[in-house]
Amino acid sequence: MIKIGTLLIMEDIKKILPDYMNELSDRGKTSRVYESHQLTGLRLTEILEDPDHKSLYMRLAKKNDNQQLISLAMKIAERKNIKNKGAYFMKLWYKKDEDISREK
């Protein structure tokens, strides 16, 4: 008697689970931006064509001047000969920080 009840429950779960998983998948596709640095990070991701590092750009935007970040990203995006725009952006960004710290 218990096995019959368990089988019925398992069948119900199998029917419900795909719908729930599809709903979760759809939720993950929508963007929820609550802070300005999140929007800036997403914009940097689009400009540099580097969607794998969204959280990195958001963290940079939280700690640094957003206008400078976007300005540098736009300059890099204009150059067509750069293969990895994200890596080049990070190299230039941290080189700029090193130059400033040396001047102090």
N, C-alpha and C. Protein backbone atom coordinates (compact mmCIF):
# COMPACT_ATOMS: atom_id res chain seq x y z
N MET A 1 0.82 -1.19 0.00
CA MET A 1 0.00 0.00 0.00
C MET A 1 0.87 1.26 0.00
N ILE A 2 1.95 1.25 0.72
CA ILE A 2 2.84 2.41 0.78
C ILE A 2 3.51 2.62 -0.57
N LYS A 3 3.90 1.55 -1.23
CA LYS A 3 4.56 1.68 -2.53
C LYS A 3 3.63 2.32 -3.55
N ILE A 4 2.38 1.98 -3.53
CA ILE A 4 1.43 2.57 -4.48
C ILE A 4 1.34 4.08 -4.24
N GLY A 5 1.26 4.48 -2.99
CA GLY A 5 1.21 5.90 -2.66
C GLY A 5 2.48 6.62 -3.08
N THR A 6 3.62 5.98 -2.89
CA THR A 6 4.90 6.57 -3.27
C THR A 6 5.00 6.71 -4.78
N LEU A 7 4.53 5.72 -5.51
CA LEU A 7 4.56 5.80 -6.97
C LEU A 7 3.69 6.95 -7.47
N LEU A 8 2.54 7.12 -6.88
CA LEU A 8 1.68 8.22 -7.29
C LEU A 8 2.33 9.57 -7.00
N ILE A 9 2.96 9.68 -5.87
CA ILE A 9 3.64 10.93 -5.52
C ILE A 9 4.79 11.19 -6.49
N MET A 10 5.56 10.19 -6.81
CA MET A 10 6.68 10.35 -7.73
C MET A 10 6.19 10.78 -9.11
N GLU A 11 5.08 10.21 -9.57
CA GLU A 11 4.53 10.59 -10.87
C GLU A 11 4.08 12.05 -10.85
N ASP A 12 3.48 12.47 -9.75
CA ASP A 12 3.05 13.87 -9.62
C ASP A 12 4.25 14.80 -9.65
N ILE A 13 5.31 14.43 -8.97
CA ILE A 13 6.54 15.24 -8.94
C ILE A 13 7.13 15.34 -10.34
N LYS A 14 7.13 14.25 -11.07
CA LYS A 14 7.68 14.26 -12.43
C LYS A 14 6.89 15.18 -13.34
N LYS A 15 5.59 15.29 -13.10
CA LYS A 15 4.76 16.17 -13.92
C LYS A 15 4.99 17.64 -13.53
N ILE A 16 5.15 17.90 -12.27
CA ILE A 16 5.29 19.27 -11.78
C ILE A 16 6.71 19.79 -12.01
N LEU A 17 7.71 18.96 -11.85
CA LEU A 17 9.10 19.39 -11.90
C LEU A 17 9.49 20.09 -13.20
N PRO A 18 9.15 19.58 -14.38
CA PRO A 18 9.55 20.29 -15.61
C PRO A 18 8.97 21.71 -15.69
N ASP A 19 7.73 21.87 -15.27
CA ASP A 19 7.13 23.20 -15.29
C ASP A 19 7.88 24.14 -14.35
N TYR A 20 8.21 23.65 -13.17
CA TYR A 20 8.94 24.45 -12.19
C TYR A 20 10.33 24.79 -12.69
N MET A 21 11.00 23.83 -13.29
CA MET A 21 12.35 24.08 -13.80
C MET A 21 12.31 25.10 -14.95
N ASN A 22 11.29 25.02 -15.80
CA ASN A 22 11.15 26.01 -16.87
C ASN A 22 10.91 27.40 -16.31
N GLU A 23 10.11 27.48 -15.26
CA GLU A 23 9.85 28.77 -14.62
C GLU A 23 11.13 29.36 -14.03
N LEU A 24 11.92 28.52 -13.37
CA LEU A 24 13.19 28.99 -12.80
C LEU A 24 14.14 29.46 -13.91
N SER A 25 14.16 28.73 -15.00
CA SER A 25 15.01 29.10 -16.12
C SER A 25 14.60 30.46 -16.69
N ASP A 26 13.30 30.69 -16.81
CA ASP A 26 12.81 31.98 -17.32
C ASP A 26 13.15 33.11 -16.37
N ARG A 27 13.07 32.86 -15.08
CA ARG A 27 13.41 33.89 -14.09
C ARG A 27 14.87 34.30 -14.20
N GLY A 28 15.74 33.33 -14.45
CA GLY A 28 17.17 33.60 -14.55
C GLY A 28 17.54 34.45 -15.75
N LYS A 29 16.68 34.46 -16.77
CA LYS A 29 16.98 35.23 -17.98
C LYS A 29 16.68 36.71 -17.83
N THR A 30 15.82 37.05 -16.90
CA THR A 30 15.48 38.46 -16.71
C THR A 30 16.49 39.12 -15.78
N SER A 31 16.86 40.33 -16.12
CA SER A 31 17.85 41.05 -15.34
C SER A 31 17.17 41.88 -14.25
N ARG A 32 17.71 41.84 -13.07
CA ARG A 32 17.21 42.65 -11.96
C ARG A 32 18.34 43.55 -11.49
N VAL A 33 18.22 44.82 -11.77
CA VAL A 33 19.24 45.79 -11.40
C VAL A 33 18.67 46.67 -10.29
N TYR A 34 19.35 46.68 -9.15
CA TYR A 34 18.88 47.44 -8.00
C TYR A 34 19.76 48.65 -7.70
N GLU A 35 21.00 48.62 -8.12
CA GLU A 35 21.96 49.69 -7.81
C GLU A 35 22.59 50.19 -9.12
N SER A 36 23.09 51.42 -9.09
CA SER A 36 23.69 52.00 -10.30
C SER A 36 24.95 51.26 -10.73
N HIS A 37 25.73 50.76 -9.76
CA HIS A 37 26.96 50.04 -10.14
C HIS A 37 26.64 48.73 -10.86
N GLN A 38 25.49 48.14 -10.58
CA GLN A 38 25.10 46.93 -11.29
C GLN A 38 24.81 47.24 -12.76
N LEU A 39 24.13 48.34 -12.99
CA LEU A 39 23.82 48.75 -14.36
C LEU A 39 25.11 49.09 -15.11
N THR A 40 26.02 49.77 -14.45
CA THR A 40 27.30 50.10 -15.08
C THR A 40 28.08 48.83 -15.40
N GLY A 41 28.08 47.87 -14.48
CA GLY A 41 28.77 46.61 -14.73
C GLY A 41 28.19 45.86 -15.92
N LEU A 42 26.88 45.85 -16.04
CA LEU A 42 26.24 45.20 -17.18
C LEU A 42 26.55 45.94 -18.48
N ARG A 43 26.61 47.26 -18.39
CA ARG A 43 26.95 48.05 -19.59
C ARG A 43 28.39 47.77 -20.03
N LEU A 44 29.29 47.67 -19.07
CA LEU A 44 30.68 47.32 -19.40
C LEU A 44 30.76 45.94 -20.05
N THR A 45 29.97 45.02 -19.54
CA THR A 45 29.93 43.67 -20.10
C THR A 45 29.53 43.71 -21.57
N GLU A 46 28.52 44.52 -21.88
CA GLU A 46 28.06 44.63 -23.27
C GLU A 46 29.09 45.33 -24.14
N ILE A 47 29.65 46.41 -23.65
CA ILE A 47 30.61 47.19 -24.43
C ILE A 47 31.84 46.34 -24.77
N LEU A 48 32.33 45.60 -23.77
CA LEU A 48 33.56 44.82 -23.95
C LEU A 48 33.29 43.42 -24.50
N GLU A 49 32.02 43.09 -24.69
CA GLU A 49 31.62 41.77 -25.20
C GLU A 49 32.22 40.65 -24.34
N ASP A 50 32.01 40.76 -23.04
CA ASP A 50 32.60 39.83 -22.08
C ASP A 50 31.56 39.42 -21.03
N PRO A 51 30.54 38.64 -21.41
CA PRO A 51 29.46 38.31 -20.48
C PRO A 51 29.87 37.39 -19.33
N ASP A 52 31.01 36.75 -19.43
CA ASP A 52 31.44 35.82 -18.37
C ASP A 52 31.93 36.53 -17.12
N HIS A 53 32.20 37.82 -17.20
CA HIS A 53 32.78 38.54 -16.06
C HIS A 53 31.88 39.67 -15.55
N LYS A 54 30.58 39.44 -15.53
CA LYS A 54 29.63 40.47 -15.08
C LYS A 54 29.93 40.92 -13.65
N SER A 55 30.14 39.98 -12.76
CA SER A 55 30.34 40.34 -11.35
C SER A 55 31.64 41.12 -11.16
N LEU A 56 32.65 40.83 -11.94
CA LEU A 56 33.91 41.56 -11.86
C LEU A 56 33.71 43.02 -12.23
N TYR A 57 32.98 43.26 -13.32
CA TYR A 57 32.73 44.64 -13.74
C TYR A 57 31.83 45.37 -12.77
N MET A 58 30.88 44.67 -12.17
CA MET A 58 30.02 45.29 -11.16
C MET A 58 30.83 45.71 -9.95
N ARG A 59 31.77 44.87 -9.54
CA ARG A 59 32.62 45.19 -8.40
C ARG A 59 33.51 46.40 -8.72
N LEU A 60 34.05 46.43 -9.93
CA LEU A 60 34.85 47.59 -10.34
C LEU A 60 34.01 48.86 -10.32
N ALA A 61 32.79 48.77 -10.81
CA ALA A 61 31.90 49.94 -10.87
C ALA A 61 31.51 50.40 -9.47
N LYS A 62 31.45 49.47 -8.54
CA LYS A 62 31.08 49.83 -7.17
C LYS A 62 32.20 50.62 -6.49
N LYS A 63 33.44 50.27 -6.82
CA LYS A 63 34.58 50.86 -6.13
C LYS A 63 35.23 52.03 -6.87
N ASN A 64 34.86 52.24 -8.14
CA ASN A 64 35.55 53.24 -8.96
C ASN A 64 34.56 54.18 -9.63
N ASP A 65 35.10 55.19 -10.29
CA ASP A 65 34.29 56.16 -11.00
C ASP A 65 33.70 55.52 -12.26
N ASN A 66 32.38 55.49 -12.33
CA ASN A 66 31.70 54.82 -13.44
C ASN A 66 31.98 55.48 -14.78
N GLN A 67 32.08 56.80 -14.81
CA GLN A 67 32.33 57.51 -16.06
C GLN A 67 33.71 57.14 -16.63
N GLN A 68 34.70 57.03 -15.76
CA GLN A 68 36.04 56.65 -16.23
C GLN A 68 36.04 55.23 -16.77
N LEU A 69 35.34 54.34 -16.10
CA LEU A 69 35.27 52.95 -16.55
C LEU A 69 34.62 52.86 -17.93
N ILE A 70 33.50 53.52 -18.08
CA ILE A 70 32.78 53.46 -19.36
C ILE A 70 33.58 54.14 -20.46
N SER A 71 34.22 55.23 -20.15
CA SER A 71 35.03 55.94 -21.13
C SER A 71 36.16 55.05 -21.66
N LEU A 72 36.86 54.41 -20.75
CA LEU A 72 37.95 53.50 -21.16
C LEU A 72 37.40 52.33 -21.97
N ALA A 73 36.29 51.78 -21.55
CA ALA A 73 35.69 50.64 -22.27
C ALA A 73 35.29 51.05 -23.68
N MET A 74 34.73 52.24 -23.83
CA MET A 74 34.32 52.71 -25.16
C MET A 74 35.53 52.89 -26.08
N LYS A 75 36.63 53.42 -25.53
CA LYS A 75 37.85 53.58 -26.33
C LYS A 75 38.37 52.23 -26.80
N ILE A 76 38.31 51.24 -25.92
CA ILE A 76 38.79 49.90 -26.26
C ILE A 76 37.86 49.24 -27.28
N ALA A 77 36.57 49.44 -27.13
CA ALA A 77 35.59 48.82 -28.04
C ALA A 77 35.73 49.36 -29.46
N GLU A 78 36.19 50.59 -29.60
CA GLU A 78 36.36 51.19 -30.93
C GLU A 78 37.49 50.54 -31.71
N ARG A 79 38.45 49.99 -31.00
CA ARG A 79 39.60 49.35 -31.66
C ARG A 79 39.19 47.95 -32.12
N LYS A 80 39.34 47.70 -33.40
CA LYS A 80 38.88 46.43 -33.99
C LYS A 80 39.92 45.32 -33.89
N ASN A 81 41.18 45.66 -33.67
CA ASN A 81 42.25 44.65 -33.68
C ASN A 81 42.47 43.97 -32.32
N ILE A 82 41.66 44.29 -31.33
CA ILE A 82 41.83 43.67 -30.00
C ILE A 82 40.96 42.42 -29.93
N LYS A 83 41.59 41.29 -29.63
CA LYS A 83 40.86 40.02 -29.57
C LYS A 83 40.11 39.86 -28.26
N ASN A 84 40.77 40.12 -27.15
CA ASN A 84 40.15 39.96 -25.83
C ASN A 84 40.02 41.34 -25.18
N LYS A 85 38.90 41.98 -25.44
CA LYS A 85 38.71 43.36 -24.98
C LYS A 85 38.67 43.44 -23.45
N GLY A 86 38.09 42.44 -22.81
CA GLY A 86 38.00 42.44 -21.36
C GLY A 86 39.37 42.41 -20.70
N ALA A 87 40.24 41.54 -21.18
CA ALA A 87 41.59 41.44 -20.62
C ALA A 87 42.39 42.72 -20.87
N TYR A 88 42.25 43.28 -22.06
CA TYR A 88 42.95 44.51 -22.39
C TYR A 88 42.45 45.66 -21.51
N PHE A 89 41.15 45.70 -21.27
CA PHE A 89 40.56 46.71 -20.41
C PHE A 89 41.14 46.62 -19.00
N MET A 90 41.21 45.41 -18.46
CA MET A 90 41.73 45.23 -17.10
C MET A 90 43.21 45.62 -17.03
N LYS A 91 43.96 45.28 -18.07
CA LYS A 91 45.37 45.63 -18.10
C LYS A 91 45.55 47.14 -18.06
N LEU A 92 44.80 47.85 -18.88
CA LEU A 92 44.91 49.31 -18.91
C LEU A 92 44.39 49.93 -17.63
N TRP A 93 43.32 49.38 -17.08
CA TRP A 93 42.73 49.96 -15.86
C TRP A 93 43.72 49.87 -14.69
N TYR A 94 44.33 48.70 -14.52
CA TYR A 94 45.26 48.55 -13.40
C TYR A 94 46.60 49.23 -13.67
N LYS A 95 46.98 49.39 -14.91
CA LYS A 95 48.19 50.15 -15.23
C LYS A 95 47.98 51.61 -14.84
N LYS A 96 46.77 52.12 -15.10
CA LYS A 96 46.43 53.49 -14.72
C LYS A 96 46.55 53.66 -13.21
N ASP A 97 46.06 52.69 -12.45
CA ASP A 97 46.16 52.75 -10.99
C ASP A 97 47.60 52.73 -10.52
N GLU A 98 48.44 51.92 -11.17
CA GLU A 98 49.85 51.87 -10.80
C GLU A 98 50.53 53.22 -11.06
N ASP A 99 50.20 53.84 -12.19
CA ASP A 99 50.80 55.13 -12.53
C ASP A 99 50.40 56.20 -11.50
N ILE A 100 49.16 56.17 -11.07
CA ILE A 100 48.70 57.15 -10.08
C ILE A 100 49.39 56.93 -8.74
N SER A 101 49.53 55.66 -8.32
CA SER A 101 50.14 55.38 -7.03
C SER A 101 51.64 55.73 -7.03
N ARG A 102 52.29 55.65 -8.17
CA ARG A 102 53.70 56.01 -8.25
C ARG A 102 53.89 57.52 -8.11
N GLU A 103 52.91 58.28 -8.59
CA GLU A 103 53.01 59.74 -8.51
C GLU A 103 52.88 60.25 -7.08
N LYS A 104 52.22 59.52 -6.22
CA LYS A 104 51.99 59.97 -4.84
C LYS A 104 53.23 59.94 -4.00
